[in-house]
Amino acid sequence: MLLYTDGLIERPGEVLDRGLARPRQHAAALTREPLAVFCDELLAGLAHGGDDDIALLAVRLPPHDLTPSAEERP
């Protein structure tokens, strides 16, 4: 799950739909990266040097097959 503020997607003179598509495309290319790298690269690729602040929160759950079963949990 990726949550972010408008500073990541809004650019003066640009249609909002384009701004919303950009993080989806960039995130798709980074899905296999460790979460810290994912966030750093997403910011590096999308922050456009504007004066708007950007906040980003990313959460990744482990794949279902790696989650311990009820019998395996302490």
PDB file of N, CA and C in Angstrom:
ATOM      1  N   MET A   1       0.849  -1.147   0.000  1.00  0.00           N
ATOM      2  CA  MET A   1       0.000   0.000   0.000  1.00  0.00           C
ATOM      3  C   MET A   1       0.903   1.220   0.000  1.00  0.00           C
ATOM      4  N   LEU A   2       0.535   2.187  -0.792  1.00  0.00           N
ATOM      5  CA  LEU A   2       1.322   3.404  -0.908  1.00  0.00           C
ATOM      6  C   LEU A   2       0.411   4.602  -0.679  1.00  0.00           C
ATOM      7  N   LEU A   3       0.747   5.400   0.305  1.00  0.00           N
ATOM      8  CA  LEU A   3       0.030   6.634   0.590  1.00  0.00           C
ATOM      9  C   LEU A   3       0.989   7.792   0.366  1.00  0.00           C
ATOM     10  N   TYR A   4       0.484   8.858  -0.224  1.00  0.00           N
ATOM     11  CA  TYR A   4       1.343  10.008  -0.488  1.00  0.00           C
ATOM     12  C   TYR A   4       0.518  11.283  -0.528  1.00  0.00           C
ATOM     13  N   THR A   5       1.201  12.404  -0.360  1.00  0.00           N
ATOM     14  CA  THR A   5       0.531  13.702  -0.422  1.00  0.00           C
ATOM     15  C   THR A   5       0.558  14.234  -1.844  1.00  0.00           C
ATOM     16  N   ASP A   6      -0.183  15.286  -2.048  1.00  0.00           N
ATOM     17  CA  ASP A   6      -0.316  15.848  -3.393  1.00  0.00           C
ATOM     18  C   ASP A   6       0.992  16.390  -3.966  1.00  0.00           C
ATOM     19  N   GLY A   7       1.961  16.650  -3.118  1.00  0.00           N
ATOM     20  CA  GLY A   7       3.245  17.142  -3.611  1.00  0.00           C
ATOM     21  C   GLY A   7       3.951  16.161  -4.535  1.00  0.00           C
ATOM     22  N   LEU A   8       3.600  14.893  -4.436  1.00  0.00           N
ATOM     23  CA  LEU A   8       4.214  13.872  -5.288  1.00  0.00           C
ATOM     24  C   LEU A   8       3.600  13.853  -6.680  1.00  0.00           C
ATOM     25  N   ILE A   9       2.340  14.247  -6.796  1.00  0.00           N
ATOM     26  CA  ILE A   9       1.641  14.069  -8.077  1.00  0.00           C
ATOM     27  C   ILE A   9       1.247  15.356  -8.786  1.00  0.00           C
ATOM     28  N   GLU A  10       1.080  16.450  -8.067  1.00  0.00           N
ATOM     29  CA  GLU A  10       0.615  17.677  -8.702  1.00  0.00           C
ATOM     30  C   GLU A  10       1.772  18.495  -9.256  1.00  0.00           C
ATOM     31  N   ARG A  11       1.600  18.921 -10.485  1.00  0.00           N
ATOM     32  CA  ARG A  11       2.570  19.809 -11.121  1.00  0.00           C
ATOM     33  C   ARG A  11       1.798  20.934 -11.797  1.00  0.00           C
ATOM     34  N   PRO A  12       2.293  22.147 -11.696  1.00  0.00           N
ATOM     35  CA  PRO A  12       1.587  23.275 -12.313  1.00  0.00           C
ATOM     36  C   PRO A  12       1.392  23.056 -13.817  1.00  0.00           C
ATOM     37  N   GLY A  13       0.182  23.286 -14.278  1.00  0.00           N
ATOM     38  CA  GLY A  13      -0.116  23.174 -15.702  1.00  0.00           C
ATOM     39  C   GLY A  13      -0.309  21.770 -16.213  1.00  0.00           C
ATOM     40  N   GLU A  14      -0.293  20.774 -15.342  1.00  0.00           N
ATOM     41  CA  GLU A  14      -0.438  19.383 -15.774  1.00  0.00           C
ATOM     42  C   GLU A  14      -1.794  18.845 -15.335  1.00  0.00           C
ATOM     43  N   VAL A  15      -2.390  18.026 -16.171  1.00  0.00           N
ATOM     44  CA  VAL A  15      -3.650  17.382 -15.849  1.00  0.00           C
ATOM     45  C   VAL A  15      -3.426  16.394 -14.703  1.00  0.00           C
ATOM     46  N   LEU A  16      -4.346  16.377 -13.741  1.00  0.00           N
ATOM     47  CA  LEU A  16      -4.187  15.528 -12.565  1.00  0.00           C
ATOM     48  C   LEU A  16      -4.109  14.043 -12.927  1.00  0.00           C
ATOM     49  N   ASP A  17      -4.840  13.615 -13.944  1.00  0.00           N
ATOM     50  CA  ASP A  17      -4.785  12.204 -14.342  1.00  0.00           C
ATOM     51  C   ASP A  17      -3.360  11.783 -14.705  1.00  0.00           C
ATOM     52  N   ARG A  18      -2.628  12.652 -15.349  1.00  0.00           N
ATOM     53  CA  ARG A  18      -1.234  12.350 -15.694  1.00  0.00           C
ATOM     54  C   ARG A  18      -0.391  12.230 -14.433  1.00  0.00           C
ATOM     55  N   GLY A  19      -0.634  13.122 -13.485  1.00  0.00           N
ATOM     56  CA  GLY A  19       0.097  13.077 -12.226  1.00  0.00           C
ATOM     57  C   GLY A  19      -0.196  11.814 -11.434  1.00  0.00           C
ATOM     58  N   LEU A  20      -1.423  11.315 -11.510  1.00  0.00           N
ATOM     59  CA  LEU A  20      -1.794  10.085 -10.814  1.00  0.00           C
ATOM     60  C   LEU A  20      -1.226   8.848 -11.504  1.00  0.00           C
ATOM     61  N   ALA A  21      -1.069   8.904 -12.808  1.00  0.00           N
ATOM     62  CA  ALA A  21      -0.530   7.761 -13.555  1.00  0.00           C
ATOM     63  C   ALA A  21       0.969   7.585 -13.304  1.00  0.00           C
ATOM     64  N   ARG A  22       1.656   8.670 -13.103  1.00  0.00           N
ATOM     65  CA  ARG A  22       3.114   8.621 -12.947  1.00  0.00           C
ATOM     66  C   ARG A  22       3.552   7.733 -11.775  1.00  0.00           C
ATOM     67  N   PRO A  23       3.001   7.876 -10.562  1.00  0.00           N
ATOM     68  CA  PRO A  23       3.451   6.987  -9.484  1.00  0.00           C
ATOM     69  C   PRO A  23       3.075   5.525  -9.709  1.00  0.00           C
ATOM     70  N   ARG A  24       1.949   5.275 -10.354  1.00  0.00           N
ATOM     71  CA  ARG A  24       1.583   3.872 -10.647  1.00  0.00           C
ATOM     72  C   ARG A  24       2.620   3.235 -11.553  1.00  0.00           C
ATOM     73  N   GLN A  25       3.019   3.933 -12.586  1.00  0.00           N
ATOM     74  CA  GLN A  25       3.992   3.396 -13.530  1.00  0.00           C
ATOM     75  C   GLN A  25       5.351   3.211 -12.866  1.00  0.00           C
ATOM     76  N   HIS A  26       5.758   4.204 -12.120  1.00  0.00           N
ATOM     77  CA  HIS A  26       7.074   4.145 -11.479  1.00  0.00           C
ATOM     78  C   HIS A  26       7.102   3.053 -10.411  1.00  0.00           C
ATOM     79  N   ALA A  27       6.038   2.956  -9.622  1.00  0.00           N
ATOM     80  CA  ALA A  27       5.970   1.937  -8.564  1.00  0.00           C
ATOM     81  C   ALA A  27       5.969   0.532  -9.158  1.00  0.00           C
ATOM     82  N   ALA A  28       5.297   0.359 -10.280  1.00  0.00           N
ATOM     83  CA  ALA A  28       5.260  -0.962 -10.917  1.00  0.00           C
ATOM     84  C   ALA A  28       6.656  -1.423 -11.305  1.00  0.00           C
ATOM     85  N   ALA A  29       7.498  -0.496 -11.720  1.00  0.00           N
ATOM     86  CA  ALA A  29       8.864  -0.849 -12.111  1.00  0.00           C
ATOM     87  C   ALA A  29       9.746  -1.170 -10.900  1.00  0.00           C
ATOM     88  N   LEU A  30       9.301  -0.785  -9.712  1.00  0.00           N
ATOM     89  CA  LEU A  30      10.120  -0.958  -8.500  1.00  0.00           C
ATOM     90  C   LEU A  30       9.570  -2.011  -7.546  1.00  0.00           C
ATOM     91  N   THR A  31       8.570  -2.762  -7.933  1.00  0.00           N
ATOM     92  CA  THR A  31       7.871  -3.654  -7.002  1.00  0.00           C
ATOM     93  C   THR A  31       8.773  -4.698  -6.347  1.00  0.00           C
ATOM     94  N   ARG A  32       9.817  -5.117  -6.986  1.00  0.00           N
ATOM     95  CA  ARG A  32      10.679  -6.166  -6.423  1.00  0.00           C
ATOM     96  C   ARG A  32      11.835  -5.609  -5.581  1.00  0.00           C
ATOM     97  N   GLU A  33      11.929  -4.317  -5.500  1.00  0.00           N
ATOM     98  CA  GLU A  33      13.000  -3.694  -4.711  1.00  0.00           C
ATOM     99  C   GLU A  33      12.649  -3.740  -3.219  1.00  0.00           C
ATOM    100  N   PRO A  34      13.679  -3.760  -2.353  1.00  0.00           N
ATOM    101  CA  PRO A  34      13.399  -3.629  -0.917  1.00  0.00           C
ATOM    102  C   PRO A  34      12.620  -2.327  -0.670  1.00  0.00           C
ATOM    103  N   LEU A  35      11.817  -2.301   0.377  1.00  0.00           N
ATOM    104  CA  LEU A  35      10.922  -1.174   0.606  1.00  0.00           C
ATOM    105  C   LEU A  35      11.661   0.163   0.721  1.00  0.00           C
ATOM    106  N   ALA A  36      12.802   0.178   1.381  1.00  0.00           N
ATOM    107  CA  ALA A  36      13.565   1.430   1.502  1.00  0.00           C
ATOM    108  C   ALA A  36      14.034   1.919   0.135  1.00  0.00           C
ATOM    109  N   VAL A  37      14.503   1.020  -0.700  1.00  0.00           N
ATOM    110  CA  VAL A  37      14.939   1.371  -2.055  1.00  0.00           C
ATOM    111  C   VAL A  37      13.728   1.820  -2.874  1.00  0.00           C
ATOM    112  N   PHE A  38      12.623   1.107  -2.741  1.00  0.00           N
ATOM    113  CA  PHE A  38      11.383   1.463  -3.427  1.00  0.00           C
ATOM    114  C   PHE A  38      11.010   2.918  -3.139  1.00  0.00           C
ATOM    115  N   CYS A  39      10.990   3.291  -1.869  1.00  0.00           N
ATOM    116  CA  CYS A  39      10.624   4.658  -1.486  1.00  0.00           C
ATOM    117  C   CYS A  39      11.632   5.687  -1.989  1.00  0.00           C
ATOM    118  N   ASP A  40      12.908   5.393  -1.800  1.00  0.00           N
ATOM    119  CA  ASP A  40      13.950   6.328  -2.255  1.00  0.00           C
ATOM    120  C   ASP A  40      13.882   6.555  -3.760  1.00  0.00           C
ATOM    121  N   GLU A  41      13.750   5.473  -4.512  1.00  0.00           N
ATOM    122  CA  GLU A  41      13.710   5.583  -5.970  1.00  0.00           C
ATOM    123  C   GLU A  41      12.424   6.254  -6.453  1.00  0.00           C
ATOM    124  N   LEU A  42      11.329   5.986  -5.771  1.00  0.00           N
ATOM    125  CA  LEU A  42      10.069   6.632  -6.130  1.00  0.00           C
ATOM    126  C   LEU A  42      10.174   8.141  -5.941  1.00  0.00           C
ATOM    127  N   LEU A  43      10.728   8.550  -4.818  1.00  0.00           N
ATOM    128  CA  LEU A  43      10.906   9.985  -4.578  1.00  0.00           C
ATOM    129  C   LEU A  43      11.895  10.599  -5.562  1.00  0.00           C
ATOM    130  N   ALA A  44      12.989   9.906  -5.812  1.00  0.00           N
ATOM    131  CA  ALA A  44      13.995  10.429  -6.740  1.00  0.00           C
ATOM    132  C   ALA A  44      13.422  10.574  -8.147  1.00  0.00           C
ATOM    133  N   GLY A  45      12.587   9.634  -8.538  1.00  0.00           N
ATOM    134  CA  GLY A  45      12.034   9.675  -9.882  1.00  0.00           C
ATOM    135  C   GLY A  45      10.851  10.606 -10.057  1.00  0.00           C
ATOM    136  N   LEU A  46      10.164  10.933  -8.965  1.00  0.00           N
ATOM    137  CA  LEU A  46       8.941  11.713  -9.095  1.00  0.00           C
ATOM    138  C   LEU A  46       9.010  13.111  -8.498  1.00  0.00           C
ATOM    139  N   ALA A  47       9.906  13.318  -7.544  1.00  0.00           N
ATOM    140  CA  ALA A  47      10.035  14.664  -6.988  1.00  0.00           C
ATOM    141  C   ALA A  47      10.596  15.561  -8.083  1.00  0.00           C
ATOM    142  N   HIS A  48       9.924  16.638  -8.330  1.00  0.00           N
ATOM    143  CA  HIS A  48      10.272  17.465  -9.487  1.00  0.00           C
ATOM    144  C   HIS A  48      10.940  18.778  -9.118  1.00  0.00           C
ATOM    145  N   GLY A  49      11.449  18.874  -7.908  1.00  0.00           N
ATOM    146  CA  GLY A  49      12.184  20.072  -7.528  1.00  0.00           C
ATOM    147  C   GLY A  49      11.296  21.254  -7.207  1.00  0.00           C
ATOM    148  N   GLY A  50      10.015  21.011  -7.055  1.00  0.00           N
ATOM    149  CA  GLY A  50       9.096  22.081  -6.705  1.00  0.00           C
ATOM    150  C   GLY A  50       9.232  22.470  -5.244  1.00  0.00           C
ATOM    151  N   ASP A  51       8.406  23.400  -4.830  1.00  0.00           N
ATOM    152  CA  ASP A  51       8.484  23.853  -3.443  1.00  0.00           C
ATOM    153  C   ASP A  51       7.394  23.235  -2.568  1.00  0.00           C
ATOM    154  N   ASP A  52       6.651  22.280  -3.105  1.00  0.00           N
ATOM    155  CA  ASP A  52       5.615  21.597  -2.335  1.00  0.00           C
ATOM    156  C   ASP A  52       6.240  20.452  -1.553  1.00  0.00           C
ATOM    157  N   ASP A  53       5.771  20.266  -0.333  1.00  0.00           N
ATOM    158  CA  ASP A  53       6.294  19.168   0.476  1.00  0.00           C
ATOM    159  C   ASP A  53       5.709  17.839   0.007  1.00  0.00           C
ATOM    160  N   ILE A  54       6.431  16.773   0.305  1.00  0.00           N
ATOM    161  CA  ILE A  54       6.000  15.423  -0.076  1.00  0.00           C
ATOM    162  C   ILE A  54       6.120  14.528   1.155  1.00  0.00           C
ATOM    163  N   ALA A  55       5.051  13.807   1.425  1.00  0.00           N
ATOM    164  CA  ALA A  55       5.080  12.764   2.456  1.00  0.00           C
ATOM    165  C   ALA A  55       4.711  11.455   1.776  1.00  0.00           C
ATOM    166  N   LEU A  56       5.381  10.394   2.170  1.00  0.00           N
ATOM    167  CA  LEU A  56       5.203   9.101   1.539  1.00  0.00           C
ATOM    168  C   LEU A  56       5.186   8.027   2.634  1.00  0.00           C
ATOM    169  N   LEU A  57       4.217   7.127   2.555  1.00  0.00           N
ATOM    170  CA  LEU A  57       4.137   6.009   3.483  1.00  0.00           C
ATOM    171  C   LEU A  57       3.871   4.763   2.668  1.00  0.00           C
ATOM    172  N   ALA A  58       4.747   3.774   2.789  1.00  0.00           N
ATOM    173  CA  ALA A  58       4.603   2.531   2.033  1.00  0.00           C
ATOM    174  C   ALA A  58       4.613   1.350   3.005  1.00  0.00           C
ATOM    175  N   VAL A  59       3.711   0.415   2.756  1.00  0.00           N
ATOM    176  CA  VAL A  59       3.607  -0.797   3.570  1.00  0.00           C
ATOM    177  C   VAL A  59       3.567  -1.975   2.617  1.00  0.00           C
ATOM    178  N   ARG A  60       4.353  -2.974   2.914  1.00  0.00           N
ATOM    179  CA  ARG A  60       4.361  -4.187   2.100  1.00  0.00           C
ATOM    180  C   ARG A  60       4.154  -5.375   3.027  1.00  0.00           C
ATOM    181  N   LEU A  61       3.162  -6.184   2.726  1.00  0.00           N
ATOM    182  CA  LEU A  61       2.901  -7.392   3.491  1.00  0.00           C
ATOM    183  C   LEU A  61       3.676  -8.543   2.876  1.00  0.00           C
ATOM    184  N   PRO A  62       4.083  -9.497   3.697  1.00  0.00           N
ATOM    185  CA  PRO A  62       4.789 -10.648   3.133  1.00  0.00           C
ATOM    186  C   PRO A  62       3.843 -11.460   2.260  1.00  0.00           C
ATOM    187  N   PRO A  63       4.376 -12.176   1.288  1.00  0.00           N
ATOM    188  CA  PRO A  63       3.528 -13.043   0.468  1.00  0.00           C
ATOM    189  C   PRO A  63       2.765 -14.019   1.351  1.00  0.00           C
ATOM    190  N   HIS A  64       1.596 -14.384   0.937  1.00  0.00           N
ATOM    191  CA  HIS A  64       0.719 -15.245   1.724  1.00  0.00           C
ATOM    192  C   HIS A  64       1.395 -16.563   2.103  1.00  0.00           C
ATOM    193  N   ASP A  65       2.168 -17.131   1.213  1.00  0.00           N
ATOM    194  CA  ASP A  65       2.788 -18.422   1.501  1.00  0.00           C
ATOM    195  C   ASP A  65       3.905 -18.332   2.539  1.00  0.00           C
ATOM    196  N   LEU A  66       4.359 -17.123   2.883  1.00  0.00           N
ATOM    197  CA  LEU A  66       5.389 -16.956   3.907  1.00  0.00           C
ATOM    198  C   LEU A  66       4.796 -16.636   5.271  1.00  0.00           C
ATOM    199  N   THR A  67       3.485 -16.408   5.328  1.00  0.00           N
ATOM    200  CA  THR A  67       2.833 -16.112   6.591  1.00  0.00           C
ATOM    201  C   THR A  67       2.663 -17.412   7.372  1.00  0.00           C
ATOM    202  N   PRO A  68       3.097 -17.443   8.627  1.00  0.00           N
ATOM    203  CA  PRO A  68       2.984 -18.683   9.399  1.00  0.00           C
ATOM    204  C   PRO A  68       1.530 -19.090   9.586  1.00  0.00           C
ATOM    205  N   SER A  69       1.298 -20.365   9.526  1.00  0.00           N
ATOM    206  CA  SER A  69      -0.057 -20.885   9.781  1.00  0.00           C
ATOM    207  C   SER A  69      -0.342 -20.806  11.274  1.00  0.00           C
ATOM    208  N   ALA A  70      -1.577 -21.053  11.661  1.00  0.00           N
ATOM    209  CA  ALA A  70      -1.965 -21.006  13.072  1.00  0.00           C
ATOM    210  C   ALA A  70      -1.129 -21.980  13.900  1.00  0.00           C
ATOM    211  N   GLU A  71      -0.812 -23.124  13.327  1.00  0.00           N
ATOM    212  CA  GLU A  71      -0.017 -24.119  14.034  1.00  0.00           C
ATOM    213  C   GLU A  71       1.431 -23.679  14.214  1.00  0.00           C
ATOM    214  N   GLU A  72       1.926 -22.865  13.309  1.00  0.00           N
ATOM    215  CA  GLU A  72       3.332 -22.433  13.344  1.00  0.00           C
ATOM    216  C   GLU A  72       3.541 -21.203  14.232  1.00  0.00           C
ATOM    217  N   ARG A  73       2.471 -20.470  14.540  1.00  0.00           N
ATOM    218  CA  ARG A  73       2.607 -19.257  15.357  1.00  0.00           C
ATOM    219  C   ARG A  73       2.870 -19.637  16.805  1.00  0.00           C
ATOM    220  N   PRO A  74       3.651 -18.794  17.504  1.00  0.00           N
ATOM    221  CA  PRO A  74       3.931 -19.075  18.928  1.00  0.00           C
ATOM    222  C   PRO A  74       2.686 -18.959  19.776  1.00  0.00           C
TER     223      PRO A  74
END
